[in-house]
Amino acid sequence: MDTSRGMRSVVVVLALTAVVPAPAAGQASPGCEQLADGSSYLDRTTLSPLAGGEVRQHIEVSTDRGESWRTTFDAVYRRVSGAPR
């Protein structure tokens, strides 16, 4: 924010997403993200069912066009006890 001249500037970053068919369980959903500076990276998200109704979400990114992948998010979701189904 630049207040040196009594002015405020606001930067708004919008992310556009495309609707794609949901992959089968355990199959990665690929995507390409473009950053404000014009650079881009590939990402893939894999949702895998686990025992007891849990679900693992694993997100990876590649900055070398898919030659290598780096994990950026890895979580297991479980239903809260007593939550409606």
Protein backbone atom coordinates (compact mmCIF):
# COMPACT_ATOMS: atom_id res chain seq x y z
CA MET A 1 0.00 0.00 0.00
CA ASP A 2 1.46 3.37 -1.03
CA THR A 3 0.39 6.12 1.36
CA SER A 4 3.27 8.50 0.59
CA ARG A 5 0.97 10.80 -1.43
CA GLY A 6 -2.10 10.28 0.72
CA MET A 7 -3.38 7.66 -1.72
CA ARG A 8 -4.13 4.02 -1.25
CA SER A 9 -3.75 1.39 -3.89
CA VAL A 10 -5.33 -2.02 -3.71
CA VAL A 11 -4.16 -5.02 -5.67
CA VAL A 12 -6.75 -7.67 -6.36
CA VAL A 13 -5.61 -11.07 -7.53
CA LEU A 14 -8.23 -13.25 -9.16
CA ALA A 15 -7.84 -16.95 -9.78
CA LEU A 16 -9.74 -18.43 -12.69
CA THR A 17 -10.65 -22.05 -12.46
CA ALA A 18 -12.05 -24.42 -15.01
CA VAL A 19 -14.61 -27.09 -14.29
CA VAL A 20 -13.26 -30.48 -15.26
CA PRO A 21 -14.76 -33.93 -14.78
CA ALA A 22 -13.91 -35.45 -11.41
CA PRO A 23 -11.22 -38.12 -11.68
CA ALA A 24 -11.75 -41.64 -10.37
CA ALA A 25 -10.65 -42.25 -6.78
CA GLY A 26 -6.87 -42.22 -6.52
CA GLN A 27 -6.43 -40.64 -9.96
CA ALA A 28 -4.72 -37.24 -10.25
CA SER A 29 -6.54 -34.16 -11.51
CA PRO A 30 -4.01 -32.09 -13.51
CA GLY A 31 -4.00 -28.33 -13.85
CA CYS A 32 -1.87 -25.38 -14.87
CA GLU A 33 -1.65 -22.24 -12.77
CA GLN A 34 -0.48 -18.90 -14.16
CA LEU A 35 1.02 -16.36 -11.79
CA ALA A 36 0.69 -12.58 -11.99
CA ASP A 37 4.27 -12.27 -13.29
CA GLY A 38 3.42 -14.47 -16.31
CA SER A 39 5.22 -17.58 -15.10
CA SER A 40 3.28 -20.79 -14.65
CA TYR A 41 3.48 -24.18 -13.03
CA LEU A 42 1.69 -27.50 -13.29
CA ASP A 43 -0.25 -28.87 -10.38
CA ARG A 44 -2.00 -32.14 -9.72
CA THR A 45 -4.35 -33.12 -6.95
CA THR A 46 -5.03 -36.72 -6.00
CA LEU A 47 -7.93 -37.71 -3.74
CA SER A 48 -7.68 -41.25 -2.41
CA PRO A 49 -10.19 -43.10 -0.22
CA LEU A 50 -8.68 -44.63 2.91
CA ALA A 51 -9.93 -47.13 5.47
CA GLY A 52 -12.75 -46.03 7.75
CA GLY A 53 -14.14 -43.46 5.31
CA GLU A 54 -11.13 -41.14 5.46
CA VAL A 55 -9.89 -39.35 2.33
CA ARG A 56 -6.32 -38.32 1.52
CA GLN A 57 -5.72 -35.17 -0.53
CA HIS A 58 -2.22 -34.92 -2.05
CA ILE A 59 -1.23 -31.85 -4.08
CA GLU A 60 2.01 -31.66 -6.07
CA VAL A 61 3.53 -28.96 -8.30
CA SER A 62 6.02 -29.05 -11.14
CA THR A 63 8.02 -26.09 -12.42
CA ASP A 64 9.84 -28.11 -15.08
CA ARG A 65 6.88 -29.16 -17.26
CA GLY A 66 6.25 -32.40 -15.38
CA GLU A 67 9.78 -33.78 -15.25
CA SER A 68 9.71 -33.72 -11.45
CA TRP A 69 7.02 -33.13 -8.83
CA ARG A 70 7.16 -31.62 -5.32
CA THR A 71 4.51 -32.15 -2.64
CA THR A 72 2.95 -28.89 -1.47
CA PHE A 73 -0.03 -30.25 0.49
CA ASP A 74 -0.76 -33.64 2.02
CA ALA A 75 -3.75 -34.09 4.32
CA VAL A 76 -6.18 -36.72 5.55
CA TYR A 77 -9.82 -35.77 6.05
CA ARG A 78 -12.08 -37.63 8.45
CA ARG A 79 -15.72 -37.08 9.26
CA VAL A 80 -16.41 -35.35 12.55
CA SER A 81 -18.06 -37.68 15.02
CA GLY A 82 -21.82 -37.19 14.88
CA ALA A 83 -21.74 -35.21 11.63
CA PRO A 84 -24.68 -35.87 9.28
CA ARG A 85 -24.05 -38.04 6.26
